[in-house]
Amino acid sequence: MDKNTSRMKRALKLRSKIRNSGVNRLTIHKTSQHIYAQVMSVDGTSTLASASTTQAEIKSALKNTSNITAAIEVGKKIAQNALAAGVTVVAFDRSGFKYHGRVKALADAAREAGLKF
């Protein structure tokens, strides 16, 4: 099994548990250069808030968009946007990525900024 197949298998298992919880979902995706986050509605049909290192306001404040510092900024921004949209409780969907490094930094920053998960 290759790396991507293993990640997708972990993602399916995690998403099936989140679907049964009935709360909004904080979904992340990361590439080698950027990290993206969005808060999805309970049914998964609409995006309530989003943030990424490709947005001009975040990108201009960073020296590098592919490190832990960038993930922390995206975590803070997604929490601000979600709270502005009226979302306080979310389930963290890490999309099969292992919980360390940039993924952990984004989650911790979002928690510190006011999101509960």
Protein backbone atom coordinates (compact mmCIF):
# COMPACT_ATOMS: atom_id res chain seq x y z
CA MET A 1 0.00 0.00 0.00
CA ASP A 2 1.47 3.35 -0.98
CA LYS A 3 1.47 6.52 1.10
CA ASN A 4 -1.59 8.15 -0.49
CA THR A 5 -3.71 5.00 -0.29
CA SER A 6 -2.91 4.66 3.41
CA ARG A 7 -3.85 8.30 3.97
CA MET A 8 -7.16 7.93 2.14
CA LYS A 9 -7.98 4.80 4.16
CA ARG A 10 -7.38 6.71 7.41
CA ALA A 11 -9.49 9.60 6.09
CA LEU A 12 -12.49 7.38 5.28
CA LYS A 13 -12.42 5.79 8.73
CA LEU A 14 -12.20 9.18 10.44
CA ARG A 15 -14.93 10.79 8.32
CA SER A 16 -17.39 7.96 9.03
CA LYS A 17 -17.01 8.63 12.76
CA ILE A 18 -17.38 12.40 12.27
CA ARG A 19 -20.51 11.95 10.14
CA ASN A 20 -22.25 10.19 13.05
CA SER A 21 -21.37 12.97 15.51
CA GLY A 22 -23.60 15.58 13.83
CA VAL A 23 -21.31 18.62 14.24
CA ASN A 24 -19.61 20.94 11.77
CA ARG A 25 -16.30 19.73 10.42
CA LEU A 26 -12.92 21.53 10.35
CA THR A 27 -11.23 19.96 7.34
CA ILE A 28 -7.59 20.51 6.45
CA HIS A 29 -5.44 19.72 3.45
CA LYS A 30 -1.73 20.22 3.12
CA THR A 31 0.72 20.16 0.27
CA SER A 32 4.46 20.64 0.33
CA GLN A 33 4.01 24.40 -0.15
CA HIS A 34 0.64 25.34 1.39
CA ILE A 35 -1.92 24.40 4.02
CA TYR A 36 -5.67 24.86 3.65
CA ALA A 37 -8.49 24.74 6.22
CA GLN A 38 -12.24 25.03 5.92
CA VAL A 39 -15.25 24.59 8.17
CA MET A 40 -17.94 22.53 6.47
CA SER A 41 -21.61 22.32 7.44
CA VAL A 42 -22.99 19.19 9.12
CA ASP A 43 -24.31 17.77 5.85
CA GLY A 44 -21.11 18.69 3.99
CA THR A 45 -22.81 20.74 1.28
CA SER A 46 -21.56 24.21 2.18
CA THR A 47 -18.42 25.88 3.42
CA LEU A 48 -18.98 28.15 6.41
CA ALA A 49 -15.42 29.52 6.77
CA SER A 50 -12.04 29.04 5.11
CA ALA A 51 -8.40 30.06 5.38
CA SER A 52 -5.19 29.10 3.62
CA THR A 53 -1.64 30.22 3.01
CA THR A 54 -2.60 31.19 -0.54
CA GLN A 55 -4.73 34.11 0.71
CA ALA A 56 -2.99 37.46 0.26
CA GLU A 57 -3.37 38.68 3.85
CA ILE A 58 -1.80 35.52 5.32
CA LYS A 59 0.81 35.07 2.59
CA SER A 60 2.11 38.63 2.92
CA ALA A 61 2.65 38.22 6.67
CA LEU A 62 4.75 35.08 6.24
CA LYS A 63 8.28 34.51 5.05
CA ASN A 64 7.56 30.88 4.15
CA THR A 65 4.16 29.24 3.56
CA SER A 66 5.24 25.64 4.19
CA ASN A 67 6.25 25.61 7.85
CA ILE A 68 4.72 25.39 11.31
CA THR A 69 4.54 29.18 11.64
CA ALA A 70 2.31 29.32 8.57
CA ALA A 71 0.09 26.56 9.97
CA ILE A 72 -0.32 28.52 13.21
CA GLU A 73 -1.43 31.62 11.29
CA VAL A 74 -3.95 29.59 9.28
CA GLY A 75 -5.25 28.04 12.51
CA LYS A 76 -5.80 31.46 14.06
CA LYS A 77 -7.49 32.79 10.92
CA ILE A 78 -9.83 29.81 10.49
CA ALA A 79 -10.91 30.15 14.14
CA GLN A 80 -11.63 33.86 13.66
CA ASN A 81 -13.64 33.19 10.49
CA ALA A 82 -15.57 30.32 12.08
CA LEU A 83 -16.44 32.34 15.19
CA ALA A 84 -17.59 35.19 12.95
CA ALA A 85 -19.86 32.71 11.14
CA GLY A 86 -21.32 31.57 14.47
CA VAL A 87 -19.53 28.21 14.69
CA THR A 88 -17.92 27.37 18.04
CA VAL A 89 -17.84 23.56 18.11
CA VAL A 90 -16.30 21.51 15.29
CA ALA A 91 -14.96 18.03 14.66
CA PHE A 92 -11.35 18.00 13.44
CA ASP A 93 -11.04 16.18 10.11
CA ARG A 94 -7.33 15.84 9.43
CA SER A 95 -7.98 14.19 6.04
CA GLY A 96 -5.90 11.16 6.94
CA PHE A 97 -2.77 13.17 7.68
CA LYS A 98 -0.97 12.07 10.82
CA TYR A 99 -1.44 14.35 13.83
CA HIS A 100 1.99 15.95 14.15
CA GLY A 101 3.94 18.87 12.75
CA ARG A 102 1.87 21.34 10.74
CA VAL A 103 -1.41 19.52 11.37
CA LYS A 104 -0.92 19.62 15.14
CA ALA A 105 0.19 23.27 15.03
CA LEU A 106 -2.94 24.30 13.10
CA ALA A 107 -5.22 22.42 15.50
CA ASP A 108 -3.56 23.89 18.61
CA ALA A 109 -3.74 27.43 17.21
CA ALA A 110 -7.44 27.01 16.36
CA ARG A 111 -8.15 25.76 19.89
CA GLU A 112 -6.29 28.68 21.45
CA ALA A 113 -8.22 31.12 19.26
CA GLY A 114 -11.56 29.85 20.55
CA LEU A 115 -12.73 26.79 18.57
CA LYS A 116 -13.75 23.73 20.58
CA PHE A 117 -13.05 20.22 19.29
